[in-house]
């Protein structure tokens, strides 16, 4: 087990697992009203209830897709020969990129559907 943990890309694997749980919860139990505590909260998503509802659904689907990719990348690190530090650094970069992808794709979808603020 220790050998397995040393060889996966831990950050994307763990973040992907957490993203997947969070995305499933958000998909089935999205926040009903605009709030500052729970859900996909940006200026564009909080502009109206219709935008809010769309952003919650769209971002949860994007989170699920991204979570699966992160878990697969994390497990893929098992077969890639590299040092722990190289895998750790790559894992942080990949995870940051994944979050940026979710934000960007949801904001673009909001703009496409509802126009500019």
PDB file of N, CA and C in Angstrom:
ATOM      1  N   UNK A   1       0.828  -1.199   0.000  1.00  0.00           N
ATOM      2  CA  UNK A   1       0.000   0.000   0.000  1.00  0.00           C
ATOM      3  C   UNK A   1       0.871   1.261   0.000  1.00  0.00           C
ATOM      4  N   UNK A   2       1.936   1.251   0.782  1.00  0.00           N
ATOM      5  CA  UNK A   2       2.813   2.408   0.846  1.00  0.00           C
ATOM      6  C   UNK A   2       3.450   2.675  -0.520  1.00  0.00           C
ATOM      7  N   UNK A   3       3.839   1.618  -1.210  1.00  0.00           N
ATOM      8  CA  UNK A   3       4.419   1.744  -2.551  1.00  0.00           C
ATOM      9  C   UNK A   3       3.408   2.383  -3.502  1.00  0.00           C
ATOM     10  N   UNK A   4       2.155   1.993  -3.397  1.00  0.00           N
ATOM     11  CA  UNK A   4       1.094   2.548  -4.248  1.00  0.00           C
ATOM     12  C   UNK A   4       0.945   4.039  -3.997  1.00  0.00           C
ATOM     13  N   UNK A   5       0.872   4.436  -2.725  1.00  0.00           N
ATOM     14  CA  UNK A   5       0.674   5.847  -2.367  1.00  0.00           C
ATOM     15  C   UNK A   5       1.869   6.689  -2.800  1.00  0.00           C
ATOM     16  N   UNK A   6       3.078   6.141  -2.701  1.00  0.00           N
ATOM     17  CA  UNK A   6       4.264   6.879  -3.127  1.00  0.00           C
ATOM     18  C   UNK A   6       4.276   7.113  -4.633  1.00  0.00           C
ATOM     19  N   UNK A   7       3.626   6.266  -5.398  1.00  0.00           N
ATOM     20  CA  UNK A   7       3.743   6.313  -6.843  1.00  0.00           C
ATOM     21  C   UNK A   7       2.560   6.938  -7.570  1.00  0.00           C
ATOM     22  N   UNK A   8       1.452   7.184  -6.913  1.00  0.00           N
ATOM     23  CA  UNK A   8       0.377   7.902  -7.593  1.00  0.00           C
ATOM     24  C   UNK A   8       0.649   9.391  -7.469  1.00  0.00           C
ATOM     25  N   UNK A   9       0.017  10.167  -8.293  1.00  0.00           N
ATOM     26  CA  UNK A   9       0.117  11.625  -8.147  1.00  0.00           C
ATOM     27  C   UNK A   9      -0.969  12.001  -7.150  1.00  0.00           C
ATOM     28  N   UNK A  10      -0.551  12.173  -5.916  1.00  0.00           N
ATOM     29  CA  UNK A  10      -1.467  12.256  -4.790  1.00  0.00           C
ATOM     30  C   UNK A  10      -2.431  13.443  -4.845  1.00  0.00           C
ATOM     31  N   UNK A  11      -1.948  14.625  -5.195  1.00  0.00           N
ATOM     32  CA  UNK A  11      -2.800  15.820  -5.174  1.00  0.00           C
ATOM     33  C   UNK A  11      -3.990  15.684  -6.130  1.00  0.00           C
ATOM     34  N   UNK A  12      -3.772  15.370  -7.420  1.00  0.00           N
ATOM     35  CA  UNK A  12      -4.944  15.225  -8.297  1.00  0.00           C
ATOM     36  C   UNK A  12      -5.858  14.080  -7.872  1.00  0.00           C
ATOM     37  N   UNK A  13      -5.288  13.004  -7.363  1.00  0.00           N
ATOM     38  CA  UNK A  13      -6.112  11.870  -6.930  1.00  0.00           C
ATOM     39  C   UNK A  13      -7.021  12.271  -5.776  1.00  0.00           C
ATOM     40  N   UNK A  14      -6.453  12.916  -4.765  1.00  0.00           N
ATOM     41  CA  UNK A  14      -7.255  13.333  -3.609  1.00  0.00           C
ATOM     42  C   UNK A  14      -8.251  14.431  -3.970  1.00  0.00           C
ATOM     43  N   UNK A  15      -7.783  15.446  -4.704  1.00  0.00           N
ATOM     44  CA  UNK A  15      -8.691  16.532  -5.106  1.00  0.00           C
ATOM     45  C   UNK A  15      -9.786  16.009  -6.022  1.00  0.00           C
ATOM     46  N   UNK A  16      -9.437  15.113  -6.937  1.00  0.00           N
ATOM     47  CA  UNK A  16     -10.438  14.526  -7.822  1.00  0.00           C
ATOM     48  C   UNK A  16     -11.500  13.765  -7.047  1.00  0.00           C
ATOM     49  N   UNK A  17     -11.071  13.031  -6.024  1.00  0.00           N
ATOM     50  CA  UNK A  17     -12.021  12.287  -5.196  1.00  0.00           C
ATOM     51  C   UNK A  17     -12.946  13.236  -4.441  1.00  0.00           C
ATOM     52  N   UNK A  18     -12.374  14.297  -3.883  1.00  0.00           N
ATOM     53  CA  UNK A  18     -13.177  15.293  -3.158  1.00  0.00           C
ATOM     54  C   UNK A  18     -14.111  16.031  -4.119  1.00  0.00           C
ATOM     55  N   UNK A  19     -13.592  16.411  -5.291  1.00  0.00           N
ATOM     56  CA  UNK A  19     -14.420  17.081  -6.302  1.00  0.00           C
ATOM     57  C   UNK A  19     -15.602  16.206  -6.696  1.00  0.00           C
ATOM     58  N   UNK A  20     -15.360  14.924  -6.859  1.00  0.00           N
ATOM     59  CA  UNK A  20     -16.425  14.013  -7.278  1.00  0.00           C
ATOM     60  C   UNK A  20     -17.535  13.951  -6.228  1.00  0.00           C
ATOM     61  N   UNK A  21     -17.171  13.818  -4.983  1.00  0.00           N
ATOM     62  CA  UNK A  21     -18.175  13.785  -3.900  1.00  0.00           C
ATOM     63  C   UNK A  21     -18.937  15.110  -3.862  1.00  0.00           C
ATOM     64  N   UNK A  22     -18.185  16.213  -3.912  1.00  0.00           N
ATOM     65  CA  UNK A  22     -18.805  17.533  -3.869  1.00  0.00           C
ATOM     66  C   UNK A  22     -19.730  17.757  -5.066  1.00  0.00           C
ATOM     67  N   UNK A  23     -19.283  17.333  -6.247  1.00  0.00           N
ATOM     68  CA  UNK A  23     -20.080  17.535  -7.460  1.00  0.00           C
ATOM     69  C   UNK A  23     -21.375  16.732  -7.423  1.00  0.00           C
ATOM     70  N   UNK A  24     -21.311  15.522  -6.930  1.00  0.00           N
ATOM     71  CA  UNK A  24     -22.518  14.696  -6.835  1.00  0.00           C
ATOM     72  C   UNK A  24     -23.507  15.331  -5.862  1.00  0.00           C
ATOM     73  N   UNK A  25     -23.013  15.833  -4.734  1.00  0.00           N
ATOM     74  CA  UNK A  25     -23.885  16.512  -3.768  1.00  0.00           C
ATOM     75  C   UNK A  25     -24.500  17.754  -4.406  1.00  0.00           C
ATOM     76  N   UNK A  26     -23.670  18.551  -5.101  1.00  0.00           N
ATOM     77  CA  UNK A  26     -24.197  19.769  -5.743  1.00  0.00           C
ATOM     78  C   UNK A  26     -25.172  19.456  -6.864  1.00  0.00           C
ATOM     79  N   UNK A  27     -24.955  18.363  -7.570  1.00  0.00           N
ATOM     80  CA  UNK A  27     -25.843  18.004  -8.674  1.00  0.00           C
ATOM     81  C   UNK A  27     -27.225  17.612  -8.160  1.00  0.00           C
ATOM     82  N   UNK A  28     -27.252  16.793  -7.118  1.00  0.00           N
ATOM     83  CA  UNK A  28     -28.534  16.312  -6.595  1.00  0.00           C
ATOM     84  C   UNK A  28     -29.169  17.244  -5.569  1.00  0.00           C
ATOM     85  N   UNK A  29     -28.351  18.069  -4.906  1.00  0.00           N
ATOM     86  CA  UNK A  29     -28.870  18.997  -3.903  1.00  0.00           C
ATOM     87  C   UNK A  29     -28.312  20.394  -4.137  1.00  0.00           C
ATOM     88  N   UNK A  30     -28.625  20.999  -5.286  1.00  0.00           N
ATOM     89  CA  UNK A  30     -28.090  22.341  -5.553  1.00  0.00           C
ATOM     90  C   UNK A  30     -28.738  23.357  -4.614  1.00  0.00           C
ATOM     91  N   UNK A  31     -28.027  24.431  -4.317  1.00  0.00           N
ATOM     92  CA  UNK A  31     -28.641  25.467  -3.487  1.00  0.00           C
ATOM     93  C   UNK A  31     -29.823  26.094  -4.223  1.00  0.00           C
ATOM     94  N   UNK A  32     -30.928  26.202  -3.559  1.00  0.00           N
ATOM     95  CA  UNK A  32     -32.162  26.687  -4.186  1.00  0.00           C
ATOM     96  C   UNK A  32     -32.141  28.200  -4.389  1.00  0.00           C
ATOM     97  N   UNK A  33     -31.556  28.900  -3.423  1.00  0.00           N
ATOM     98  CA  UNK A  33     -31.556  30.363  -3.475  1.00  0.00           C
ATOM     99  C   UNK A  33     -30.117  30.879  -3.573  1.00  0.00           C
ATOM    100  N   UNK A  34     -29.972  32.056  -4.123  1.00  0.00           N
ATOM    101  CA  UNK A  34     -28.672  32.700  -4.216  1.00  0.00           C
ATOM    102  C   UNK A  34     -28.150  32.950  -2.805  1.00  0.00           C
ATOM    103  N   UNK A  35     -26.905  32.530  -2.554  1.00  0.00           N
ATOM    104  CA  UNK A  35     -26.314  32.710  -1.234  1.00  0.00           C
ATOM    105  C   UNK A  35     -24.806  32.885  -1.357  1.00  0.00           C
ATOM    106  N   UNK A  36     -24.163  33.203  -0.253  1.00  0.00           N
ATOM    107  CA  UNK A  36     -22.707  33.387  -0.233  1.00  0.00           C
ATOM    108  C   UNK A  36     -21.991  32.241   0.467  1.00  0.00           C
ATOM    109  N   UNK A  37     -22.679  31.136   0.710  1.00  0.00           N
ATOM    110  CA  UNK A  37     -22.089  30.048   1.474  1.00  0.00           C
ATOM    111  C   UNK A  37     -21.884  28.772   0.669  1.00  0.00           C
ATOM    112  N   UNK A  38     -22.827  28.399  -0.168  1.00  0.00           N
ATOM    113  CA  UNK A  38     -22.821  27.082  -0.795  1.00  0.00           C
ATOM    114  C   UNK A  38     -23.191  27.184  -2.262  1.00  0.00           C
ATOM    115  N   UNK A  39     -22.393  26.589  -3.125  1.00  0.00           N
ATOM    116  CA  UNK A  39     -22.700  26.576  -4.544  1.00  0.00           C
ATOM    117  C   UNK A  39     -21.634  27.288  -5.355  1.00  0.00           C
ATOM    118  N   UNK A  40     -21.891  27.403  -6.645  1.00  0.00           N
ATOM    119  CA  UNK A  40     -21.005  28.123  -7.552  1.00  0.00           C
ATOM    120  C   UNK A  40     -21.342  29.597  -7.422  1.00  0.00           C
ATOM    121  N   UNK A  41     -20.452  30.357  -6.755  1.00  0.00           N
ATOM    122  CA  UNK A  41     -20.744  31.739  -6.407  1.00  0.00           C
ATOM    123  C   UNK A  41     -19.787  32.698  -7.102  1.00  0.00           C
ATOM    124  N   UNK A  42     -20.252  33.316  -8.149  1.00  0.00           N
ATOM    125  CA  UNK A  42     -19.498  34.392  -8.801  1.00  0.00           C
ATOM    126  C   UNK A  42     -20.465  35.541  -9.051  1.00  0.00           C
ATOM    127  N   UNK A  43     -19.909  36.665  -9.442  1.00  0.00           N
ATOM    128  CA  UNK A  43     -20.765  37.821  -9.720  1.00  0.00           C
ATOM    129  C   UNK A  43     -21.776  37.506 -10.815  1.00  0.00           C
ATOM    130  N   UNK A  44     -21.319  36.802 -11.844  1.00  0.00           N
ATOM    131  CA  UNK A  44     -22.208  36.464 -12.968  1.00  0.00           C
ATOM    132  C   UNK A  44     -23.304  35.486 -12.545  1.00  0.00           C
ATOM    133  N   UNK A  45     -22.971  34.539 -11.694  1.00  0.00           N
ATOM    134  CA  UNK A  45     -23.976  33.538 -11.303  1.00  0.00           C
ATOM    135  C   UNK A  45     -24.998  34.095 -10.321  1.00  0.00           C
ATOM    136  N   UNK A  46     -24.612  35.125  -9.567  1.00  0.00           N
ATOM    137  CA  UNK A  46     -25.524  35.683  -8.568  1.00  0.00           C
ATOM    138  C   UNK A  46     -26.375  36.832  -9.099  1.00  0.00           C
ATOM    139  N   UNK A  47     -26.289  37.095 -10.391  1.00  0.00           N
ATOM    140  CA  UNK A  47     -27.026  38.212 -11.002  1.00  0.00           C
ATOM    141  C   UNK A  47     -28.537  37.994 -10.994  1.00  0.00           C
ATOM    142  N   UNK A  48     -28.991  36.745 -11.180  1.00  0.00           N
ATOM    143  CA  UNK A  48     -30.424  36.444 -11.157  1.00  0.00           C
ATOM    144  C   UNK A  48     -30.606  34.981 -10.748  1.00  0.00           C
ATOM    145  N   UNK A  49     -31.815  34.642 -10.376  1.00  0.00           N
ATOM    146  CA  UNK A  49     -32.108  33.270  -9.970  1.00  0.00           C
ATOM    147  C   UNK A  49     -31.924  32.303 -11.143  1.00  0.00           C
ATOM    148  N   UNK A  50     -32.315  32.742 -12.338  1.00  0.00           N
ATOM    149  CA  UNK A  50     -32.159  31.882 -13.516  1.00  0.00           C
ATOM    150  C   UNK A  50     -30.682  31.598 -13.799  1.00  0.00           C
ATOM    151  N   UNK A  51     -29.835  32.617 -13.700  1.00  0.00           N
ATOM    152  CA  UNK A  51     -28.394  32.428 -13.869  1.00  0.00           C
ATOM    153  C   UNK A  51     -27.838  31.507 -12.785  1.00  0.00           C
ATOM    154  N   UNK A  52     -28.292  31.718 -11.568  1.00  0.00           N
ATOM    155  CA  UNK A  52     -27.842  30.915 -10.432  1.00  0.00           C
ATOM    156  C   UNK A  52     -28.140  29.438 -10.663  1.00  0.00           C
ATOM    157  N   UNK A  53     -29.374  29.144 -11.033  1.00  0.00           N
ATOM    158  CA  UNK A  53     -29.762  27.752 -11.255  1.00  0.00           C
ATOM    159  C   UNK A  53     -28.958  27.115 -12.388  1.00  0.00           C
ATOM    160  N   UNK A  54     -28.766  27.860 -13.475  1.00  0.00           N
ATOM    161  CA  UNK A  54     -27.980  27.355 -14.590  1.00  0.00           C
ATOM    162  C   UNK A  54     -26.529  27.103 -14.167  1.00  0.00           C
ATOM    163  N   UNK A  55     -25.939  28.044 -13.437  1.00  0.00           N
ATOM    164  CA  UNK A  55     -24.539  27.913 -13.013  1.00  0.00           C
ATOM    165  C   UNK A  55     -24.345  26.717 -12.090  1.00  0.00           C
ATOM    166  N   UNK A  56     -25.323  26.456 -11.222  1.00  0.00           N
ATOM    167  CA  UNK A  56     -25.188  25.307 -10.314  1.00  0.00           C
ATOM    168  C   UNK A  56     -25.176  23.998 -11.090  1.00  0.00           C
ATOM    169  N   UNK A  57     -26.073  23.869 -12.037  1.00  0.00           N
ATOM    170  CA  UNK A  57     -26.159  22.640 -12.833  1.00  0.00           C
ATOM    171  C   UNK A  57     -24.917  22.480 -13.713  1.00  0.00           C
ATOM    172  N   UNK A  58     -24.556  23.542 -14.411  1.00  0.00           N
ATOM    173  CA  UNK A  58     -23.418  23.475 -15.336  1.00  0.00           C
ATOM    174  C   UNK A  58     -22.109  23.199 -14.583  1.00  0.00           C
ATOM    175  N   UNK A  59     -21.865  23.918 -13.507  1.00  0.00           N
ATOM    176  CA  UNK A  59     -20.608  23.731 -12.783  1.00  0.00           C
ATOM    177  C   UNK A  59     -20.517  22.352 -12.141  1.00  0.00           C
ATOM    178  N   UNK A  60     -21.632  21.803 -11.683  1.00  0.00           N
ATOM    179  CA  UNK A  60     -21.574  20.468 -11.086  1.00  0.00           C
ATOM    180  C   UNK A  60     -21.239  19.411 -12.136  1.00  0.00           C
ATOM    181  N   UNK A  61     -21.752  19.563 -13.349  1.00  0.00           N
ATOM    182  CA  UNK A  61     -21.404  18.642 -14.435  1.00  0.00           C
ATOM    183  C   UNK A  61     -19.922  18.786 -14.778  1.00  0.00           C
ATOM    184  N   UNK A  62     -19.428  20.032 -14.831  1.00  0.00           N
ATOM    185  CA  UNK A  62     -18.011  20.263 -15.118  1.00  0.00           C
ATOM    186  C   UNK A  62     -17.131  19.683 -14.006  1.00  0.00           C
ATOM    187  N   UNK A  63     -17.567  19.819 -12.770  1.00  0.00           N
ATOM    188  CA  UNK A  63     -16.828  19.243 -11.645  1.00  0.00           C
ATOM    189  C   UNK A  63     -16.745  17.724 -11.759  1.00  0.00           C
ATOM    190  N   UNK A  64     -17.829  17.087 -12.150  1.00  0.00           N
ATOM    191  CA  UNK A  64     -17.820  15.623 -12.297  1.00  0.00           C
ATOM    192  C   UNK A  64     -16.828  15.215 -13.377  1.00  0.00           C
ATOM    193  N   UNK A  65     -16.889  15.866 -14.533  1.00  0.00           N
ATOM    194  CA  UNK A  65     -15.958  15.548 -15.621  1.00  0.00           C
ATOM    195  C   UNK A  65     -14.510  15.744 -15.171  1.00  0.00           C
ATOM    196  N   UNK A  66     -14.245  16.875 -14.551  1.00  0.00           N
ATOM    197  CA  UNK A  66     -12.892  17.194 -14.114  1.00  0.00           C
ATOM    198  C   UNK A  66     -12.420  16.231 -13.021  1.00  0.00           C
ATOM    199  N   UNK A  67     -13.315  15.863 -12.119  1.00  0.00           N
ATOM    200  CA  UNK A  67     -12.951  14.940 -11.046  1.00  0.00           C
ATOM    201  C   UNK A  67     -12.506  13.592 -11.601  1.00  0.00           C
ATOM    202  N   UNK A  68     -13.226  13.091 -12.565  1.00  0.00           N
ATOM    203  CA  UNK A  68     -12.860  11.804 -13.170  1.00  0.00           C
ATOM    204  C   UNK A  68     -11.484  11.907 -13.823  1.00  0.00           C
ATOM    205  N   UNK A  69     -11.237  12.993 -14.541  1.00  0.00           N
ATOM    206  CA  UNK A  69      -9.934  13.182 -15.190  1.00  0.00           C
ATOM    207  C   UNK A  69      -8.825  13.267 -14.137  1.00  0.00           C
ATOM    208  N   UNK A  70      -9.057  13.999 -13.056  1.00  0.00           N
ATOM    209  CA  UNK A  70      -8.048  14.121 -12.012  1.00  0.00           C
ATOM    210  C   UNK A  70      -7.727  12.777 -11.365  1.00  0.00           C
ATOM    211  N   UNK A  71      -8.743  11.985 -11.090  1.00  0.00           N
ATOM    212  CA  UNK A  71      -8.512  10.668 -10.490  1.00  0.00           C
ATOM    213  C   UNK A  71      -7.716   9.780 -11.440  1.00  0.00           C
ATOM    214  N   UNK A  72      -8.068   9.801 -12.711  1.00  0.00           N
ATOM    215  CA  UNK A  72      -7.341   8.996 -13.700  1.00  0.00           C
ATOM    216  C   UNK A  72      -5.886   9.462 -13.814  1.00  0.00           C
ATOM    217  N   UNK A  73      -5.662  10.759 -13.834  1.00  0.00           N
ATOM    218  CA  UNK A  73      -4.290  11.276 -13.885  1.00  0.00           C
ATOM    219  C   UNK A  73      -3.521  10.870 -12.634  1.00  0.00           C
ATOM    220  N   UNK A  74      -4.177  10.979 -11.494  1.00  0.00           N
ATOM    221  CA  UNK A  74      -3.532  10.575 -10.246  1.00  0.00           C
ATOM    222  C   UNK A  74      -3.121   9.124 -10.258  1.00  0.00           C
ATOM    223  N   UNK A  75      -4.000   8.252 -10.718  1.00  0.00           N
ATOM    224  CA  UNK A  75      -3.674   6.831 -10.806  1.00  0.00           C
ATOM    225  C   UNK A  75      -2.637   6.574 -11.896  1.00  0.00           C
ATOM    226  N   UNK A  76      -2.688   7.378 -12.954  1.00  0.00           N
ATOM    227  CA  UNK A  76      -1.716   7.241 -14.035  1.00  0.00           C
ATOM    228  C   UNK A  76      -0.299   7.519 -13.569  1.00  0.00           C
ATOM    229  N   UNK A  77      -0.162   8.291 -12.511  1.00  0.00           N
ATOM    230  CA  UNK A  77       1.151   8.557 -11.949  1.00  0.00           C
ATOM    231  C   UNK A  77       1.831   7.299 -11.441  1.00  0.00           C
ATOM    232  N   UNK A  78       1.065   6.267 -11.238  1.00  0.00           N
ATOM    233  CA  UNK A  78       1.618   4.990 -10.773  1.00  0.00           C
ATOM    234  C   UNK A  78       2.533   4.377 -11.826  1.00  0.00           C
ATOM    235  N   UNK A  79       2.242   4.601 -13.089  1.00  0.00           N
ATOM    236  CA  UNK A  79       3.035   3.992 -14.158  1.00  0.00           C
ATOM    237  C   UNK A  79       4.091   4.941 -14.722  1.00  0.00           C
ATOM    238  N   UNK A  80       4.084   6.195 -14.299  1.00  0.00           N
ATOM    239  CA  UNK A  80       5.059   7.171 -14.786  1.00  0.00           C
ATOM    240  C   UNK A  80       6.259   7.191 -13.847  1.00  0.00           C
ATOM    241  N   UNK A  81       7.437   6.870 -14.370  1.00  0.00           N
ATOM    242  CA  UNK A  81       8.621   6.907 -13.510  1.00  0.00           C
ATOM    243  C   UNK A  81       9.105   8.346 -13.316  1.00  0.00           C
ATOM    244  N   UNK A  82       8.963   8.861 -12.131  1.00  0.00           N
ATOM    245  CA  UNK A  82       9.428  10.216 -11.801  1.00  0.00           C
ATOM    246  C   UNK A  82       9.609  10.301 -10.294  1.00  0.00           C
ATOM    247  N   UNK A  83      10.340  11.296  -9.866  1.00  0.00           N
ATOM    248  CA  UNK A  83      10.547  11.467  -8.433  1.00  0.00           C
ATOM    249  C   UNK A  83       9.261  11.932  -7.763  1.00  0.00           C
ATOM    250  N   UNK A  84       9.222  11.787  -6.452  1.00  0.00           N
ATOM    251  CA  UNK A  84       8.055  12.224  -5.699  1.00  0.00           C
ATOM    252  C   UNK A  84       7.842  13.722  -5.885  1.00  0.00           C
ATOM    253  N   UNK A  85       8.920  14.491  -5.843  1.00  0.00           N
ATOM    254  CA  UNK A  85       8.798  15.946  -5.961  1.00  0.00           C
ATOM    255  C   UNK A  85       8.270  16.346  -7.340  1.00  0.00           C
ATOM    256  N   UNK A  86       8.720  15.675  -8.378  1.00  0.00           N
ATOM    257  CA  UNK A  86       8.228  15.971  -9.729  1.00  0.00           C
ATOM    258  C   UNK A  86       6.742  15.667  -9.831  1.00  0.00           C
ATOM    259  N   UNK A  87       6.330  14.536  -9.278  1.00  0.00           N
ATOM    260  CA  UNK A  87       4.904  14.174  -9.311  1.00  0.00           C
ATOM    261  C   UNK A  87       4.082  15.145  -8.472  1.00  0.00           C
ATOM    262  N   UNK A  88       4.618  15.554  -7.327  1.00  0.00           N
ATOM    263  CA  UNK A  88       3.923  16.491  -6.460  1.00  0.00           C
ATOM    264  C   UNK A  88       3.732  17.835  -7.160  1.00  0.00           C
ATOM    265  N   UNK A  89       4.801  18.345  -7.775  1.00  0.00           N
ATOM    266  CA  UNK A  89       4.732  19.624  -8.491  1.00  0.00           C
ATOM    267  C   UNK A  89       3.758  19.547  -9.659  1.00  0.00           C
ATOM    268  N   UNK A  90       3.842  18.475 -10.428  1.00  0.00           N
ATOM    269  CA  UNK A  90       2.914  18.293 -11.550  1.00  0.00           C
ATOM    270  C   UNK A  90       1.478  18.200 -11.045  1.00  0.00           C
ATOM    271  N   UNK A  91       1.292  17.526  -9.930  1.00  0.00           N
ATOM    272  CA  UNK A  91      -0.045  17.373  -9.353  1.00  0.00           C
ATOM    273  C   UNK A  91      -0.666  18.690  -8.953  1.00  0.00           C
ATOM    274  N   UNK A  92       0.134  19.572  -8.366  1.00  0.00           N
ATOM    275  CA  UNK A  92      -0.375  20.893  -7.983  1.00  0.00           C
ATOM    276  C   UNK A  92      -0.756  21.684  -9.233  1.00  0.00           C
ATOM    277  N   UNK A  93       0.117  21.682 -10.230  1.00  0.00           N
ATOM    278  CA  UNK A  93      -0.159  22.399 -11.478  1.00  0.00           C
ATOM    279  C   UNK A  93      -1.427  21.870 -12.149  1.00  0.00           C
ATOM    280  N   UNK A  94      -1.567  20.565 -12.241  1.00  0.00           N
ATOM    281  CA  UNK A  94      -2.735  19.941 -12.884  1.00  0.00           C
ATOM    282  C   UNK A  94      -4.018  20.302 -12.142  1.00  0.00           C
ATOM    283  N   UNK A  95      -3.966  20.295 -10.826  1.00  0.00           N
ATOM    284  CA  UNK A  95      -5.156  20.605 -10.025  1.00  0.00           C
ATOM    285  C   UNK A  95      -5.559  22.069 -10.181  1.00  0.00           C
ATOM    286  N   UNK A  96      -4.589  22.969 -10.175  1.00  0.00           N
ATOM    287  CA  UNK A  96      -4.886  24.390 -10.389  1.00  0.00           C
ATOM    288  C   UNK A  96      -5.486  24.596 -11.777  1.00  0.00           C
ATOM    289  N   UNK A  97      -4.927  23.941 -12.771  1.00  0.00           N
ATOM    290  CA  UNK A  97      -5.451  24.024 -14.132  1.00  0.00           C
ATOM    291  C   UNK A  97      -6.897  23.509 -14.180  1.00  0.00           C
ATOM    292  N   UNK A  98      -7.186  22.429 -13.462  1.00  0.00           N
ATOM    293  CA  UNK A  98      -8.536  21.853 -13.446  1.00  0.00           C
ATOM    294  C   UNK A  98      -9.549  22.839 -12.854  1.00  0.00           C
ATOM    295  N   UNK A  99      -9.184  23.492 -11.772  1.00  0.00           N
ATOM    296  CA  UNK A  99     -10.077  24.477 -11.155  1.00  0.00           C
ATOM    297  C   UNK A  99     -10.297  25.655 -12.104  1.00  0.00           C
ATOM    298  N   UNK A 100      -9.227  26.110 -12.742  1.00  0.00           N
ATOM    299  CA  UNK A 100      -9.355  27.209 -13.707  1.00  0.00           C
ATOM    300  C   UNK A 100     -10.262  26.803 -14.868  1.00  0.00           C
ATOM    301  N   UNK A 101     -10.159  25.553 -15.309  1.00  0.00           N
ATOM    302  CA  UNK A 101     -11.023  25.062 -16.386  1.00  0.00           C
ATOM    303  C   UNK A 101     -12.490  25.106 -15.975  1.00  0.00           C
ATOM    304  N   UNK A 102     -12.798  24.670 -14.771  1.00  0.00           N
ATOM    305  CA  UNK A 102     -14.186  24.678 -14.288  1.00  0.00           C
ATOM    306  C   UNK A 102     -14.727  26.107 -14.250  1.00  0.00           C
ATOM    307  N   UNK A 103     -13.947  27.003 -13.677  1.00  0.00           N
ATOM    308  CA  UNK A 103     -14.381  28.402 -13.594  1.00  0.00           C
ATOM    309  C   UNK A 103     -14.575  29.008 -14.977  1.00  0.00           C
ATOM    310  N   UNK A 104     -13.598  28.834 -15.828  1.00  0.00           N
ATOM    311  CA  UNK A 104     -13.654  29.421 -17.177  1.00  0.00           C
ATOM    312  C   UNK A 104     -14.824  28.860 -17.984  1.00  0.00           C
ATOM    313  N   UNK A 105     -14.987  27.541 -17.959  1.00  0.00           N
ATOM    314  CA  UNK A 105     -16.052  26.943 -18.772  1.00  0.00           C
ATOM    315  C   UNK A 105     -17.437  27.352 -18.270  1.00  0.00           C
ATOM    316  N   UNK A 106     -17.604  27.485 -16.974  1.00  0.00           N
ATOM    317  CA  UNK A 106     -18.901  27.897 -16.448  1.00  0.00           C
ATOM    318  C   UNK A 106     -19.165  29.368 -16.753  1.00  0.00           C
ATOM    319  N   UNK A 107     -18.159  30.211 -16.626  1.00  0.00           N
ATOM    320  CA  UNK A 107     -18.341  31.629 -16.941  1.00  0.00           C
ATOM    321  C   UNK A 107     -18.629  31.833 -18.425  1.00  0.00           C
ATOM    322  N   UNK A 108     -17.953  31.090 -19.290  1.00  0.00           N
ATOM    323  CA  UNK A 108     -18.219  31.183 -20.732  1.00  0.00           C
ATOM    324  C   UNK A 108     -19.640  30.714 -21.042  1.00  0.00           C
ATOM    325  N   UNK A 109     -20.080  29.643 -20.404  1.00  0.00           N
ATOM    326  CA  UNK A 109     -21.444  29.137 -20.619  1.00  0.00           C
ATOM    327  C   UNK A 109     -22.482  30.148 -20.149  1.00  0.00           C
ATOM    328  N   UNK A 110     -22.226  30.804 -19.014  1.00  0.00           N
ATOM    329  CA  UNK A 110     -23.127  31.844 -18.530  1.00  0.00           C
ATOM    330  C   UNK A 110     -23.223  32.997 -19.520  1.00  0.00           C
ATOM    331  N   UNK A 111     -22.065  33.430 -20.000  1.00  0.00           N
ATOM    332  CA  UNK A 111     -22.028  34.552 -20.944  1.00  0.00           C
ATOM    333  C   UNK A 111     -22.723  34.172 -22.256  1.00  0.00           C
ATOM    334  N   UNK A 112     -22.513  32.951 -22.706  1.00  0.00           N
ATOM    335  CA  UNK A 112     -23.117  32.502 -23.950  1.00  0.00           C
ATOM    336  C   UNK A 112     -24.643  32.421 -23.829  1.00  0.00           C
ATOM    337  N   UNK A 113     -25.105  31.953 -22.703  1.00  0.00           N
ATOM    338  CA  UNK A 113     -26.548  31.778 -22.519  1.00  0.00           C
ATOM    339  C   UNK A 113     -27.270  33.082 -22.180  1.00  0.00           C
ATOM    340  N   UNK A 114     -26.642  33.920 -21.348  1.00  0.00           N
ATOM    341  CA  UNK A 114     -27.333  35.104 -20.843  1.00  0.00           C
ATOM    342  C   UNK A 114     -26.750  36.425 -21.321  1.00  0.00           C
ATOM    343  N   UNK A 115     -25.648  36.393 -22.017  1.00  0.00           N
ATOM    344  CA  UNK A 115     -25.013  37.641 -22.458  1.00  0.00           C
ATOM    345  C   UNK A 115     -24.150  38.214 -21.367  1.00  0.00           C
ATOM    346  N   UNK A 116     -23.555  39.346 -21.652  1.00  0.00           N
ATOM    347  CA  UNK A 116     -22.678  40.001 -20.691  1.00  0.00           C
ATOM    348  C   UNK A 116     -23.467  40.522 -19.516  1.00  0.00           C
ATOM    349  N   UNK A 117     -22.722  40.780 -18.411  1.00  0.00           N
ATOM    350  CA  UNK A 117     -23.352  41.376 -17.234  1.00  0.00           C
ATOM    351  C   UNK A 117     -23.872  42.701 -17.604  1.00  0.00           C
TER     352      UNK A 117
END
